[in-house]
Amino acid sequence: MVVFNKKDSNQSVMEKWFSQINTSAFTMTNVGVLDLLNPSFVSCSHEKKELTLSFDVKDWELNPEGGLHGGIIVTGFDTTFGLLCHYYAKPNMVCTINIATTFLQPILPNDTVEYHARIISHGKTVVSMVGEARIKRNNILAATATTTFMVLDKQMDQTK
């Protein structure tokens, strides 16, 4: 497991941390929605404070019309935003204050969606981010989102 030290934070440390997302070394993966969504690391930029994760659409995520459920699209954004925010806030916990999503195109079964998140403002306790969800097959913009997160003065339990 990569041990996070803010003074040693750089591009290679960030890439190492996010590349573990599907391993048992990644302490946040083995429970809850992150484990169910099973994202894959695509890219990150320490300098630009950006993260891109990839999610394959699964049958259980579909709405009655056969497209990716809107709540799952928002969950993909919230997950990507949360992991990016958590990286910069470690070891403190973070929580979503609000999230606004605009749906532009349907996402279909067997699609892969890439969620790109970028921090636009990072204060001591409040972090604002913007994001895009693109359908990988044709780089189609499917949804956009904005969010605000709070950095809590509480540390995550790293033993789980």
N, C-alpha and C. Protein backbone atom coordinates (compact mmCIF):
# COMPACT_ATOMS: atom_id res chain seq x y z
N MET A 1 0.84 -1.19 0.00
CA MET A 1 0.00 0.00 0.00
C MET A 1 0.87 1.24 0.00
N VAL A 2 0.52 2.24 -0.79
CA VAL A 2 1.25 3.49 -0.83
C VAL A 2 0.86 4.30 0.41
N VAL A 3 1.85 4.73 1.15
CA VAL A 3 1.61 5.56 2.32
C VAL A 3 1.64 7.01 1.86
N PHE A 4 0.60 7.76 2.19
CA PHE A 4 0.46 9.13 1.73
C PHE A 4 1.18 10.08 2.67
N ASN A 5 1.98 10.94 2.09
CA ASN A 5 2.66 11.99 2.82
C ASN A 5 2.55 13.24 1.98
N LYS A 6 1.85 14.27 2.48
CA LYS A 6 1.57 15.45 1.67
C LYS A 6 2.83 16.08 1.09
N LYS A 7 3.93 16.11 1.85
CA LYS A 7 5.14 16.75 1.34
C LYS A 7 5.75 15.95 0.19
N ASP A 8 5.45 14.66 0.09
CA ASP A 8 5.97 13.84 -0.99
C ASP A 8 4.96 13.66 -2.12
N SER A 9 3.86 14.39 -2.07
CA SER A 9 2.81 14.25 -3.06
C SER A 9 3.29 14.77 -4.42
N ASN A 10 3.18 13.92 -5.43
CA ASN A 10 3.54 14.30 -6.78
C ASN A 10 2.81 13.39 -7.76
N GLN A 11 3.10 13.54 -9.03
CA GLN A 11 2.40 12.76 -10.05
C GLN A 11 2.58 11.26 -9.86
N SER A 12 3.79 10.81 -9.60
CA SER A 12 4.01 9.37 -9.49
C SER A 12 3.33 8.79 -8.25
N VAL A 13 3.32 9.52 -7.15
CA VAL A 13 2.62 9.05 -5.95
C VAL A 13 1.12 8.95 -6.22
N MET A 14 0.58 9.95 -6.90
CA MET A 14 -0.84 9.96 -7.22
C MET A 14 -1.19 8.77 -8.12
N GLU A 15 -0.39 8.54 -9.14
CA GLU A 15 -0.64 7.41 -10.05
C GLU A 15 -0.56 6.08 -9.31
N LYS A 16 0.40 5.93 -8.42
CA LYS A 16 0.52 4.69 -7.65
C LYS A 16 -0.71 4.48 -6.77
N TRP A 17 -1.18 5.55 -6.14
CA TRP A 17 -2.34 5.43 -5.24
C TRP A 17 -3.58 5.00 -6.02
N PHE A 18 -3.85 5.68 -7.14
CA PHE A 18 -5.06 5.36 -7.91
C PHE A 18 -4.94 4.06 -8.69
N SER A 19 -3.73 3.65 -9.05
CA SER A 19 -3.59 2.39 -9.79
C SER A 19 -3.94 1.18 -8.92
N GLN A 20 -4.03 1.37 -7.61
CA GLN A 20 -4.39 0.29 -6.69
C GLN A 20 -5.90 0.12 -6.52
N ILE A 21 -6.69 0.89 -7.23
CA ILE A 21 -8.13 0.97 -6.98
C ILE A 21 -8.83 -0.39 -7.01
N ASN A 22 -8.35 -1.33 -7.79
CA ASN A 22 -8.99 -2.65 -7.86
C ASN A 22 -8.20 -3.73 -7.13
N THR A 23 -7.43 -3.33 -6.13
CA THR A 23 -6.64 -4.30 -5.37
C THR A 23 -7.06 -4.28 -3.91
N SER A 24 -6.70 -5.33 -3.19
CA SER A 24 -7.01 -5.38 -1.76
C SER A 24 -6.21 -4.35 -0.97
N ALA A 25 -5.14 -3.81 -1.55
CA ALA A 25 -4.34 -2.78 -0.87
C ALA A 25 -5.09 -1.45 -0.79
N PHE A 26 -6.09 -1.26 -1.63
CA PHE A 26 -6.85 -0.01 -1.65
C PHE A 26 -7.94 -0.13 -0.60
N THR A 27 -7.77 0.53 0.53
CA THR A 27 -8.60 0.31 1.71
C THR A 27 -10.07 0.65 1.52
N MET A 28 -10.42 1.44 0.51
CA MET A 28 -11.81 1.84 0.34
C MET A 28 -12.59 0.95 -0.62
N THR A 29 -11.95 -0.04 -1.21
CA THR A 29 -12.57 -0.82 -2.28
C THR A 29 -13.43 -1.98 -1.81
N ASN A 30 -13.13 -2.60 -0.73
CA ASN A 30 -13.73 -3.88 -0.39
C ASN A 30 -15.13 -3.82 0.20
N VAL A 31 -15.72 -2.66 0.29
CA VAL A 31 -17.08 -2.54 0.82
C VAL A 31 -17.90 -1.56 -0.01
N GLY A 32 -19.21 -1.72 0.06
CA GLY A 32 -20.12 -0.74 -0.48
C GLY A 32 -20.13 -0.58 -1.98
N VAL A 33 -20.54 0.60 -2.40
CA VAL A 33 -20.81 0.88 -3.80
C VAL A 33 -19.54 0.87 -4.65
N LEU A 34 -18.42 1.26 -4.10
CA LEU A 34 -17.17 1.26 -4.88
C LEU A 34 -16.83 -0.14 -5.35
N ASP A 35 -17.03 -1.10 -4.48
CA ASP A 35 -16.77 -2.50 -4.84
C ASP A 35 -17.75 -2.98 -5.92
N LEU A 36 -19.01 -2.56 -5.83
CA LEU A 36 -20.02 -2.97 -6.82
C LEU A 36 -19.78 -2.33 -8.19
N LEU A 37 -19.39 -1.07 -8.19
CA LEU A 37 -19.17 -0.38 -9.46
C LEU A 37 -17.88 -0.81 -10.15
N ASN A 38 -16.89 -1.23 -9.35
CA ASN A 38 -15.62 -1.75 -9.86
C ASN A 38 -14.97 -0.83 -10.89
N PRO A 39 -14.65 0.42 -10.51
CA PRO A 39 -14.03 1.34 -11.46
C PRO A 39 -12.60 0.94 -11.78
N SER A 40 -12.13 1.43 -12.91
CA SER A 40 -10.74 1.24 -13.31
C SER A 40 -10.07 2.60 -13.42
N PHE A 41 -8.84 2.67 -13.01
CA PHE A 41 -8.05 3.89 -13.13
C PHE A 41 -7.68 4.11 -14.59
N VAL A 42 -7.89 5.33 -15.08
CA VAL A 42 -7.52 5.68 -16.45
C VAL A 42 -6.32 6.63 -16.44
N SER A 43 -6.48 7.77 -15.74
CA SER A 43 -5.40 8.76 -15.70
C SER A 43 -5.64 9.73 -14.56
N CYS A 44 -4.58 10.49 -14.26
CA CYS A 44 -4.70 11.55 -13.27
C CYS A 44 -3.64 12.61 -13.56
N SER A 45 -3.84 13.78 -13.02
CA SER A 45 -2.86 14.84 -13.11
C SER A 45 -2.75 15.51 -11.75
N HIS A 46 -1.59 15.37 -11.13
CA HIS A 46 -1.38 16.01 -9.84
C HIS A 46 -1.40 17.52 -10.00
N GLU A 47 -0.75 18.01 -11.03
CA GLU A 47 -0.66 19.46 -11.27
C GLU A 47 -2.03 20.09 -11.51
N LYS A 48 -2.86 19.42 -12.33
CA LYS A 48 -4.18 19.97 -12.67
C LYS A 48 -5.27 19.54 -11.70
N LYS A 49 -4.93 18.66 -10.74
CA LYS A 49 -5.90 18.12 -9.77
C LYS A 49 -7.07 17.46 -10.49
N GLU A 50 -6.73 16.48 -11.36
CA GLU A 50 -7.72 15.79 -12.17
C GLU A 50 -7.61 14.28 -11.99
N LEU A 51 -8.75 13.61 -12.20
CA LEU A 51 -8.80 12.16 -12.14
C LEU A 51 -9.81 11.67 -13.17
N THR A 52 -9.45 10.59 -13.89
CA THR A 52 -10.39 9.94 -14.79
C THR A 52 -10.47 8.47 -14.41
N LEU A 53 -11.70 8.01 -14.18
CA LEU A 53 -11.97 6.61 -13.89
C LEU A 53 -12.92 6.07 -14.95
N SER A 54 -12.84 4.77 -15.18
CA SER A 54 -13.67 4.10 -16.16
C SER A 54 -14.60 3.11 -15.46
N PHE A 55 -15.86 3.07 -15.89
CA PHE A 55 -16.87 2.17 -15.32
C PHE A 55 -17.56 1.43 -16.46
N ASP A 56 -17.59 0.12 -16.40
CA ASP A 56 -18.35 -0.67 -17.37
C ASP A 56 -19.80 -0.75 -16.91
N VAL A 57 -20.75 -0.54 -17.83
CA VAL A 57 -22.17 -0.63 -17.50
C VAL A 57 -22.52 -2.10 -17.27
N LYS A 58 -23.18 -2.35 -16.15
CA LYS A 58 -23.60 -3.72 -15.80
C LYS A 58 -25.13 -3.81 -15.86
N ASP A 59 -25.64 -5.00 -16.08
CA ASP A 59 -27.09 -5.20 -16.22
C ASP A 59 -27.87 -4.69 -15.02
N TRP A 60 -27.37 -4.88 -13.80
CA TRP A 60 -28.10 -4.45 -12.61
C TRP A 60 -28.22 -2.93 -12.51
N GLU A 61 -27.46 -2.19 -13.32
CA GLU A 61 -27.46 -0.72 -13.26
C GLU A 61 -28.46 -0.09 -14.23
N LEU A 62 -29.18 -0.90 -14.99
CA LEU A 62 -30.06 -0.38 -16.04
C LEU A 62 -31.42 0.06 -15.49
N ASN A 63 -31.99 1.06 -16.13
CA ASN A 63 -33.35 1.49 -15.80
C ASN A 63 -34.34 0.67 -16.62
N PRO A 64 -35.65 0.83 -16.39
CA PRO A 64 -36.64 0.02 -17.12
C PRO A 64 -36.60 0.20 -18.64
N GLU A 65 -36.02 1.30 -19.13
CA GLU A 65 -35.93 1.52 -20.57
C GLU A 65 -34.65 0.94 -21.18
N GLY A 66 -33.82 0.34 -20.35
CA GLY A 66 -32.62 -0.32 -20.86
C GLY A 66 -31.37 0.53 -20.90
N GLY A 67 -31.44 1.76 -20.38
CA GLY A 67 -30.27 2.62 -20.31
C GLY A 67 -29.71 2.65 -18.90
N LEU A 68 -28.53 3.21 -18.76
CA LEU A 68 -27.93 3.35 -17.43
C LEU A 68 -28.80 4.26 -16.58
N HIS A 69 -29.17 3.78 -15.40
CA HIS A 69 -30.03 4.53 -14.48
C HIS A 69 -29.36 5.84 -14.10
N GLY A 70 -30.14 6.92 -14.06
CA GLY A 70 -29.61 8.23 -13.71
C GLY A 70 -28.92 8.26 -12.35
N GLY A 71 -29.47 7.51 -11.41
CA GLY A 71 -28.86 7.45 -10.08
C GLY A 71 -27.48 6.81 -10.11
N ILE A 72 -27.28 5.87 -11.03
CA ILE A 72 -25.97 5.24 -11.17
C ILE A 72 -25.00 6.22 -11.84
N ILE A 73 -25.49 7.01 -12.78
CA ILE A 73 -24.63 8.04 -13.40
C ILE A 73 -24.15 9.01 -12.33
N VAL A 74 -25.06 9.46 -11.48
CA VAL A 74 -24.68 10.37 -10.39
C VAL A 74 -23.71 9.67 -9.43
N THR A 75 -23.95 8.40 -9.16
CA THR A 75 -23.06 7.64 -8.28
C THR A 75 -21.65 7.55 -8.88
N GLY A 76 -21.55 7.39 -10.20
CA GLY A 76 -20.24 7.39 -10.86
C GLY A 76 -19.52 8.72 -10.67
N PHE A 77 -20.27 9.82 -10.82
CA PHE A 77 -19.68 11.14 -10.57
C PHE A 77 -19.25 11.26 -9.11
N ASP A 78 -20.15 10.93 -8.19
CA ASP A 78 -19.88 11.09 -6.77
C ASP A 78 -18.67 10.26 -6.34
N THR A 79 -18.55 9.07 -6.91
CA THR A 79 -17.42 8.20 -6.60
C THR A 79 -16.11 8.80 -7.10
N THR A 80 -16.11 9.27 -8.33
CA THR A 80 -14.90 9.86 -8.91
C THR A 80 -14.53 11.15 -8.18
N PHE A 81 -15.52 12.01 -7.94
CA PHE A 81 -15.26 13.23 -7.18
C PHE A 81 -14.72 12.90 -5.78
N GLY A 82 -15.36 11.95 -5.14
CA GLY A 82 -14.98 11.60 -3.77
C GLY A 82 -13.57 11.07 -3.67
N LEU A 83 -13.18 10.21 -4.60
CA LEU A 83 -11.82 9.67 -4.57
C LEU A 83 -10.78 10.76 -4.84
N LEU A 84 -11.08 11.64 -5.78
CA LEU A 84 -10.15 12.74 -6.07
C LEU A 84 -10.02 13.66 -4.86
N CYS A 85 -11.15 14.03 -4.28
CA CYS A 85 -11.14 14.89 -3.10
C CYS A 85 -10.41 14.21 -1.94
N HIS A 86 -10.68 12.94 -1.75
CA HIS A 86 -10.05 12.20 -0.66
C HIS A 86 -8.53 12.16 -0.82
N TYR A 87 -8.07 12.01 -2.05
CA TYR A 87 -6.62 11.97 -2.28
C TYR A 87 -5.96 13.23 -1.72
N TYR A 88 -6.53 14.39 -1.99
CA TYR A 88 -5.94 15.65 -1.54
C TYR A 88 -6.23 15.96 -0.07
N ALA A 89 -7.24 15.31 0.50
CA ALA A 89 -7.62 15.57 1.90
C ALA A 89 -7.04 14.55 2.87
N LYS A 90 -6.42 13.47 2.36
CA LYS A 90 -5.94 12.39 3.23
C LYS A 90 -5.12 12.94 4.38
N PRO A 91 -5.27 12.42 5.57
CA PRO A 91 -6.04 11.25 5.95
C PRO A 91 -7.48 11.57 6.39
N ASN A 92 -7.91 12.81 6.19
CA ASN A 92 -9.24 13.20 6.63
C ASN A 92 -10.33 12.61 5.75
N MET A 93 -11.49 12.42 6.34
CA MET A 93 -12.66 11.97 5.59
C MET A 93 -13.24 13.15 4.82
N VAL A 94 -14.01 12.85 3.77
CA VAL A 94 -14.70 13.87 3.00
C VAL A 94 -16.15 13.45 2.84
N CYS A 95 -17.01 14.43 2.59
CA CYS A 95 -18.42 14.11 2.31
C CYS A 95 -18.97 15.08 1.29
N THR A 96 -19.93 14.61 0.53
CA THR A 96 -20.58 15.42 -0.49
C THR A 96 -21.53 16.41 0.19
N ILE A 97 -21.42 17.68 -0.18
CA ILE A 97 -22.37 18.69 0.30
C ILE A 97 -23.52 18.79 -0.71
N ASN A 98 -23.17 18.88 -1.99
CA ASN A 98 -24.19 18.90 -3.04
C ASN A 98 -23.59 18.37 -4.33
N ILE A 99 -24.46 17.97 -5.23
CA ILE A 99 -24.02 17.53 -6.55
C ILE A 99 -25.17 17.82 -7.52
N ALA A 100 -24.83 18.46 -8.63
CA ALA A 100 -25.82 18.78 -9.67
C ALA A 100 -25.37 18.12 -10.97
N THR A 101 -26.26 17.38 -11.58
CA THR A 101 -25.92 16.62 -12.78
C THR A 101 -26.87 16.98 -13.92
N THR A 102 -26.31 17.13 -15.11
CA THR A 102 -27.08 17.35 -16.32
C THR A 102 -26.88 16.15 -17.23
N PHE A 103 -27.98 15.50 -17.62
CA PHE A 103 -27.94 14.31 -18.47
C PHE A 103 -28.12 14.75 -19.92
N LEU A 104 -27.18 14.35 -20.79
CA LEU A 104 -27.19 14.82 -22.17
C LEU A 104 -27.48 13.73 -23.19
N GLN A 105 -26.99 12.52 -22.96
CA GLN A 105 -27.17 11.40 -23.88
C GLN A 105 -27.40 10.12 -23.08
N PRO A 106 -28.20 9.19 -23.62
CA PRO A 106 -28.37 7.92 -22.91
C PRO A 106 -27.09 7.09 -22.97
N ILE A 107 -26.87 6.33 -21.90
CA ILE A 107 -25.75 5.41 -21.83
C ILE A 107 -26.35 4.02 -21.87
N LEU A 108 -25.86 3.18 -22.78
CA LEU A 108 -26.49 1.90 -23.07
C LEU A 108 -25.77 0.71 -22.45
N PRO A 109 -26.44 -0.44 -22.42
CA PRO A 109 -25.78 -1.65 -21.93
C PRO A 109 -24.49 -1.90 -22.72
N ASN A 110 -23.52 -2.45 -22.05
CA ASN A 110 -22.21 -2.77 -22.63
C ASN A 110 -21.35 -1.55 -22.93
N ASP A 111 -21.84 -0.34 -22.63
CA ASP A 111 -20.99 0.84 -22.77
C ASP A 111 -19.98 0.88 -21.63
N THR A 112 -18.92 1.61 -21.87
CA THR A 112 -17.97 1.96 -20.82
C THR A 112 -18.02 3.47 -20.70
N VAL A 113 -18.12 3.94 -19.47
CA VAL A 113 -18.22 5.37 -19.22
C VAL A 113 -16.96 5.83 -18.51
N GLU A 114 -16.37 6.91 -19.03
CA GLU A 114 -15.22 7.51 -18.37
C GLU A 114 -15.66 8.79 -17.69
N TYR A 115 -15.43 8.83 -16.38
CA TYR A 115 -15.76 10.00 -15.58
C TYR A 115 -14.48 10.78 -15.34
N HIS A 116 -14.52 12.04 -15.73
CA HIS A 116 -13.37 12.93 -15.54
C HIS A 116 -13.75 13.99 -14.51
N ALA A 117 -12.97 14.10 -13.46
CA ALA A 117 -13.23 15.07 -12.40
C ALA A 117 -12.04 16.01 -12.26
N ARG A 118 -12.33 17.27 -11.95
CA ARG A 118 -11.27 18.27 -11.76
C ARG A 118 -11.64 19.19 -10.59
N ILE A 119 -10.69 19.40 -9.71
CA ILE A 119 -10.87 20.34 -8.61
C ILE A 119 -10.68 21.75 -9.16
N ILE A 120 -11.66 22.62 -8.90
CA ILE A 120 -11.54 24.01 -9.34
C ILE A 120 -11.24 24.95 -8.19
N SER A 121 -11.53 24.51 -6.97
CA SER A 121 -11.24 25.31 -5.78
C SER A 121 -11.07 24.38 -4.60
N HIS A 122 -9.99 24.57 -3.86
CA HIS A 122 -9.71 23.70 -2.71
C HIS A 122 -9.31 24.58 -1.53
N GLY A 123 -10.26 24.77 -0.62
CA GLY A 123 -9.98 25.51 0.60
C GLY A 123 -9.67 24.56 1.73
N LYS A 124 -9.63 25.09 2.94
CA LYS A 124 -9.31 24.25 4.10
C LYS A 124 -10.39 23.20 4.35
N THR A 125 -11.66 23.58 4.16
CA THR A 125 -12.74 22.64 4.43
C THR A 125 -13.70 22.41 3.27
N VAL A 126 -13.67 23.26 2.25
CA VAL A 126 -14.62 23.13 1.14
C VAL A 126 -13.86 22.96 -0.18
N VAL A 127 -14.29 21.97 -0.96
CA VAL A 127 -13.67 21.67 -2.25
C VAL A 127 -14.75 21.68 -3.32
N SER A 128 -14.53 22.45 -4.39
CA SER A 128 -15.47 22.50 -5.51
C SER A 128 -14.85 21.80 -6.71
N MET A 129 -15.69 21.02 -7.42
CA MET A 129 -15.21 20.25 -8.56
C MET A 129 -16.21 20.29 -9.71
N VAL A 130 -15.71 20.01 -10.91
CA VAL A 130 -16.54 19.86 -12.10
C VAL A 130 -16.20 18.53 -12.73
N GLY A 131 -17.14 17.98 -13.51
CA GLY A 131 -16.88 16.69 -14.13
C GLY A 131 -17.65 16.47 -15.41
N GLU A 132 -17.15 15.51 -16.18
CA GLU A 132 -17.80 15.06 -17.40
C GLU A 132 -17.85 13.54 -17.39
N ALA A 133 -18.94 13.01 -17.94
CA ALA A 133 -19.05 11.57 -18.18
C ALA A 133 -19.13 11.38 -19.69
N ARG A 134 -18.19 10.61 -20.22
CA ARG A 134 -18.13 10.38 -21.66
C ARG A 134 -18.26 8.89 -21.96
N ILE A 135 -19.05 8.57 -22.98
CA ILE A 135 -19.17 7.19 -23.45
C ILE A 135 -17.91 6.91 -24.26
N LYS A 136 -17.19 5.91 -23.83
CA LYS A 136 -15.86 5.66 -24.40
C LYS A 136 -15.88 5.32 -25.89
N ARG A 137 -16.88 4.58 -26.34
CA ARG A 137 -16.86 4.07 -27.73
C ARG A 137 -16.72 5.17 -28.77
N ASN A 138 -17.32 6.33 -28.56
CA ASN A 138 -17.23 7.43 -29.53
C ASN A 138 -16.88 8.76 -28.86
N ASN A 139 -16.41 8.69 -27.61
CA ASN A 139 -16.09 9.89 -26.84
C ASN A 139 -17.28 10.85 -26.79
N ILE A 140 -18.48 10.31 -26.60
CA ILE A 140 -19.71 11.10 -26.57
C ILE A 140 -19.91 11.66 -25.16
N LEU A 141 -20.13 12.97 -25.07
CA LEU A 141 -20.42 13.59 -23.79
C LEU A 141 -21.83 13.20 -23.38
N ALA A 142 -21.95 12.43 -22.30
CA ALA A 142 -23.25 11.92 -21.86
C ALA A 142 -23.84 12.71 -20.69
N ALA A 143 -22.97 13.29 -19.84
CA ALA A 143 -23.47 14.03 -18.68
C ALA A 143 -22.36 14.93 -18.15
N THR A 144 -22.78 15.99 -17.46
CA THR A 144 -21.85 16.87 -16.77
C THR A 144 -22.31 17.02 -15.32
N ALA A 145 -21.39 17.42 -14.45
CA ALA A 145 -21.77 17.60 -13.05
C ALA A 145 -20.87 18.63 -12.38
N THR A 146 -21.43 19.25 -11.37
CA THR A 146 -20.67 20.11 -10.46
C THR A 146 -20.96 19.63 -9.05
N THR A 147 -20.00 19.83 -8.17
CA THR A 147 -20.17 19.36 -6.80
C THR A 147 -19.37 20.20 -5.83
N THR A 148 -19.77 20.11 -4.59
CA THR A 148 -19.02 20.70 -3.48
C THR A 148 -18.89 19.63 -2.41
N PHE A 149 -17.67 19.45 -1.93
CA PHE A 149 -17.38 18.49 -0.87
C PHE A 149 -16.87 19.23 0.35
N MET A 150 -17.03 18.60 1.50
CA MET A 150 -16.48 19.13 2.74
C MET A 150 -15.41 18.17 3.24
N VAL A 151 -14.29 18.75 3.66
CA VAL A 151 -13.24 17.97 4.31
C VAL A 151 -13.53 17.97 5.80
N LEU A 152 -13.72 16.79 6.36
CA LEU A 152 -14.06 16.66 7.77
C LEU A 152 -12.81 16.56 8.63
N ASP A 153 -12.90 17.07 9.81
CA ASP A 153 -11.78 16.98 10.75
C ASP A 153 -11.87 15.63 11.47
N LYS A 154 -11.90 14.57 10.68
CA LYS A 154 -12.03 13.21 11.19
C LYS A 154 -11.26 12.30 10.25
N GLN A 155 -10.47 11.42 10.79
CA GLN A 155 -9.68 10.55 9.94
C GLN A 155 -10.40 9.26 9.63
N MET A 156 -10.12 8.71 8.42
CA MET A 156 -10.69 7.43 8.01
C MET A 156 -10.07 6.31 8.82
N ASP A 157 -10.85 5.28 9.04
CA ASP A 157 -10.33 4.07 9.67
C ASP A 157 -9.61 3.27 8.60
N GLN A 158 -8.30 3.27 8.63
CA GLN A 158 -7.48 2.61 7.60
C GLN A 158 -7.33 1.12 7.85
N THR A 159 -7.97 0.59 8.89
CA THR A 159 -7.80 -0.83 9.22
C THR A 159 -8.78 -1.71 8.48
N LYS A 160 -9.79 -1.17 7.84
CA LYS A 160 -10.80 -1.97 7.15
C LYS A 160 -10.28 -2.48 5.83
